[in-house]
Amino acid sequence: MTPATGHNTAIAPDAPATSFAKDQLKAIIERIERLEEERKTISDDIRDVYAEAKGNGYDVKALRTIVRLRKQDANERAEHETIVETYQQALGMI
């Protein structure tokens, strides 16, 4: 009860809405944690594949570059390659 009004303004700690919100929050947090763990597992798997490639004589830095380039849009990639080539020419590298 508040002294000024004499009314009880406190909400019961386990009111249905509060309980639902707590359950929903807990479910969200658990989903995030599960996805974080899956991401870690996938990252570990990717690292293992790169290690395997390195063991077979492949250049890991080049593989990472190829993977990054394949993610790009073809036009974006062509534009980037043109800019890099222009810079290389300006610097006398090619």
C-alpha atoms as a PDB file:
ATOM      1  CA  MET A   1       0.000   0.000   0.000  1.00  0.00           C
ATOM      2  CA  THR A   2       1.133   3.447  -0.762  1.00  0.00           C
ATOM      3  CA  PRO A   3       0.934   5.853   2.139  1.00  0.00           C
ATOM      4  CA  ALA A   4      -0.633   8.678   0.106  1.00  0.00           C
ATOM      5  CA  THR A   5      -3.520   6.719  -1.446  1.00  0.00           C
ATOM      6  CA  GLY A   6      -3.892   3.672   0.731  1.00  0.00           C
ATOM      7  CA  HIS A   7      -4.080   1.499  -2.408  1.00  0.00           C
ATOM      8  CA  ASN A   8      -2.040  -1.580  -3.059  1.00  0.00           C
ATOM      9  CA  THR A   9      -0.024  -0.726  -6.220  1.00  0.00           C
ATOM     10  CA  ALA A  10       2.370  -3.632  -6.139  1.00  0.00           C
ATOM     11  CA  ILE A  11       1.897  -6.321  -8.789  1.00  0.00           C
ATOM     12  CA  ALA A  12       2.038  -9.880  -7.597  1.00  0.00           C
ATOM     13  CA  PRO A  13       5.420 -11.311  -8.593  1.00  0.00           C
ATOM     14  CA  ASP A  14       3.844 -14.327 -10.296  1.00  0.00           C
ATOM     15  CA  ALA A  15       0.931 -12.583 -11.999  1.00  0.00           C
ATOM     16  CA  PRO A  16       0.030 -14.397 -15.247  1.00  0.00           C
ATOM     17  CA  ALA A  17       1.406 -11.632 -17.496  1.00  0.00           C
ATOM     18  CA  THR A  18       4.623 -11.428 -15.491  1.00  0.00           C
ATOM     19  CA  SER A  19       4.994 -15.197 -15.496  1.00  0.00           C
ATOM     20  CA  PHE A  20       4.417 -15.297 -19.263  1.00  0.00           C
ATOM     21  CA  ALA A  21       6.971 -12.533 -19.828  1.00  0.00           C
ATOM     22  CA  LYS A  22       9.533 -14.352 -17.670  1.00  0.00           C
ATOM     23  CA  ASP A  23       8.932 -17.621 -19.535  1.00  0.00           C
ATOM     24  CA  GLN A  24       9.153 -15.852 -22.878  1.00  0.00           C
ATOM     25  CA  LEU A  25      12.385 -14.091 -21.879  1.00  0.00           C
ATOM     26  CA  LYS A  26      13.881 -17.356 -20.662  1.00  0.00           C
ATOM     27  CA  ALA A  27      12.951 -19.084 -23.943  1.00  0.00           C
ATOM     28  CA  ILE A  28      14.538 -16.278 -25.969  1.00  0.00           C
ATOM     29  CA  ILE A  29      17.741 -16.399 -23.934  1.00  0.00           C
ATOM     30  CA  GLU A  30      17.920 -20.196 -24.258  1.00  0.00           C
ATOM     31  CA  ARG A  31      17.430 -19.966 -28.040  1.00  0.00           C
ATOM     32  CA  ILE A  32      20.221 -17.395 -28.295  1.00  0.00           C
ATOM     33  CA  GLU A  33      22.508 -19.581 -26.186  1.00  0.00           C
ATOM     34  CA  ARG A  34      21.730 -22.618 -28.328  1.00  0.00           C
ATOM     35  CA  LEU A  35      22.412 -20.674 -31.537  1.00  0.00           C
ATOM     36  CA  GLU A  36      25.660 -19.282 -30.094  1.00  0.00           C
ATOM     37  CA  GLU A  37      26.769 -22.847 -29.357  1.00  0.00           C
ATOM     38  CA  GLU A  38      25.818 -23.946 -32.881  1.00  0.00           C
ATOM     39  CA  ARG A  39      27.771 -21.005 -34.308  1.00  0.00           C
ATOM     40  CA  LYS A  40      30.816 -22.017 -32.256  1.00  0.00           C
ATOM     41  CA  THR A  41      30.502 -25.603 -33.496  1.00  0.00           C
ATOM     42  CA  ILE A  42      30.204 -24.429 -37.101  1.00  0.00           C
ATOM     43  CA  SER A  43      33.189 -22.089 -36.680  1.00  0.00           C
ATOM     44  CA  ASP A  44      35.215 -24.983 -35.309  1.00  0.00           C
ATOM     45  CA  ASP A  45      34.145 -27.136 -38.284  1.00  0.00           C
ATOM     46  CA  ILE A  46      35.166 -24.416 -40.754  1.00  0.00           C
ATOM     47  CA  ARG A  47      38.536 -24.066 -39.013  1.00  0.00           C
ATOM     48  CA  ASP A  48      38.995 -27.845 -39.321  1.00  0.00           C
ATOM     49  CA  VAL A  49      38.246 -27.731 -43.060  1.00  0.00           C
ATOM     50  CA  TYR A  50      40.814 -24.959 -43.556  1.00  0.00           C
ATOM     51  CA  ALA A  51      43.347 -26.972 -41.546  1.00  0.00           C
ATOM     52  CA  GLU A  52      42.628 -30.004 -43.725  1.00  0.00           C
ATOM     53  CA  ALA A  53      43.066 -27.897 -46.868  1.00  0.00           C
ATOM     54  CA  LYS A  54      46.364 -26.553 -45.538  1.00  0.00           C
ATOM     55  CA  GLY A  55      47.472 -30.117 -44.802  1.00  0.00           C
ATOM     56  CA  ASN A  56      46.734 -30.965 -48.437  1.00  0.00           C
ATOM     57  CA  GLY A  57      48.939 -28.100 -49.627  1.00  0.00           C
ATOM     58  CA  TYR A  58      46.325 -25.429 -50.315  1.00  0.00           C
ATOM     59  CA  ASP A  59      46.977 -21.786 -49.444  1.00  0.00           C
ATOM     60  CA  VAL A  60      44.436 -20.961 -46.741  1.00  0.00           C
ATOM     61  CA  LYS A  61      44.647 -17.202 -47.294  1.00  0.00           C
ATOM     62  CA  ALA A  62      43.787 -17.709 -50.976  1.00  0.00           C
ATOM     63  CA  LEU A  63      40.903 -20.021 -50.051  1.00  0.00           C
ATOM     64  CA  ARG A  64      39.493 -17.421 -47.661  1.00  0.00           C
ATOM     65  CA  THR A  65      39.742 -14.804 -50.412  1.00  0.00           C
ATOM     66  CA  ILE A  66      37.904 -17.054 -52.867  1.00  0.00           C
ATOM     67  CA  VAL A  67      35.136 -17.763 -50.329  1.00  0.00           C
ATOM     68  CA  ARG A  68      34.765 -14.008 -49.659  1.00  0.00           C
ATOM     69  CA  LEU A  69      34.693 -13.201 -53.389  1.00  0.00           C
ATOM     70  CA  ARG A  70      32.068 -15.852 -54.098  1.00  0.00           C
ATOM     71  CA  LYS A  71      29.777 -14.183 -51.560  1.00  0.00           C
ATOM     72  CA  GLN A  72      29.874 -10.928 -53.511  1.00  0.00           C
ATOM     73  CA  ASP A  73      27.554 -10.001 -56.331  1.00  0.00           C
ATOM     74  CA  ALA A  74      29.265 -10.537 -59.720  1.00  0.00           C
ATOM     75  CA  ASN A  75      28.959  -6.846 -60.647  1.00  0.00           C
ATOM     76  CA  GLU A  76      30.285  -5.730 -57.272  1.00  0.00           C
ATOM     77  CA  ARG A  77      33.197  -8.137 -57.584  1.00  0.00           C
ATOM     78  CA  ALA A  78      34.037  -6.945 -61.145  1.00  0.00           C
ATOM     79  CA  GLU A  79      33.931  -3.316 -60.025  1.00  0.00           C
ATOM     80  CA  HIS A  80      36.230  -4.057 -57.085  1.00  0.00           C
ATOM     81  CA  GLU A  81      38.674  -5.961 -59.305  1.00  0.00           C
ATOM     82  CA  THR A  82      38.748  -3.042 -61.778  1.00  0.00           C
ATOM     83  CA  ILE A  83      39.531  -0.583 -58.993  1.00  0.00           C
ATOM     84  CA  VAL A  84      42.292  -2.805 -57.598  1.00  0.00           C
ATOM     85  CA  GLU A  85      43.797  -3.223 -61.070  1.00  0.00           C
ATOM     86  CA  THR A  86      43.691   0.562 -61.624  1.00  0.00           C
ATOM     87  CA  TYR A  87      45.484   1.137 -58.321  1.00  0.00           C
ATOM     88  CA  GLN A  88      48.066  -1.509 -59.152  1.00  0.00           C
ATOM     89  CA  GLN A  89      48.759   0.120 -62.518  1.00  0.00           C
ATOM     90  CA  ALA A  90      49.058   3.547 -60.879  1.00  0.00           C
ATOM     91  CA  LEU A  91      51.632   2.105 -58.460  1.00  0.00           C
ATOM     92  CA  GLY A  92      53.563   0.350 -61.223  1.00  0.00           C
ATOM     93  CA  MET A  93      52.770  -3.084 -59.848  1.00  0.00           C
ATOM     94  CA  ILE A  94      51.485  -4.412 -63.208  1.00  0.00           C
END
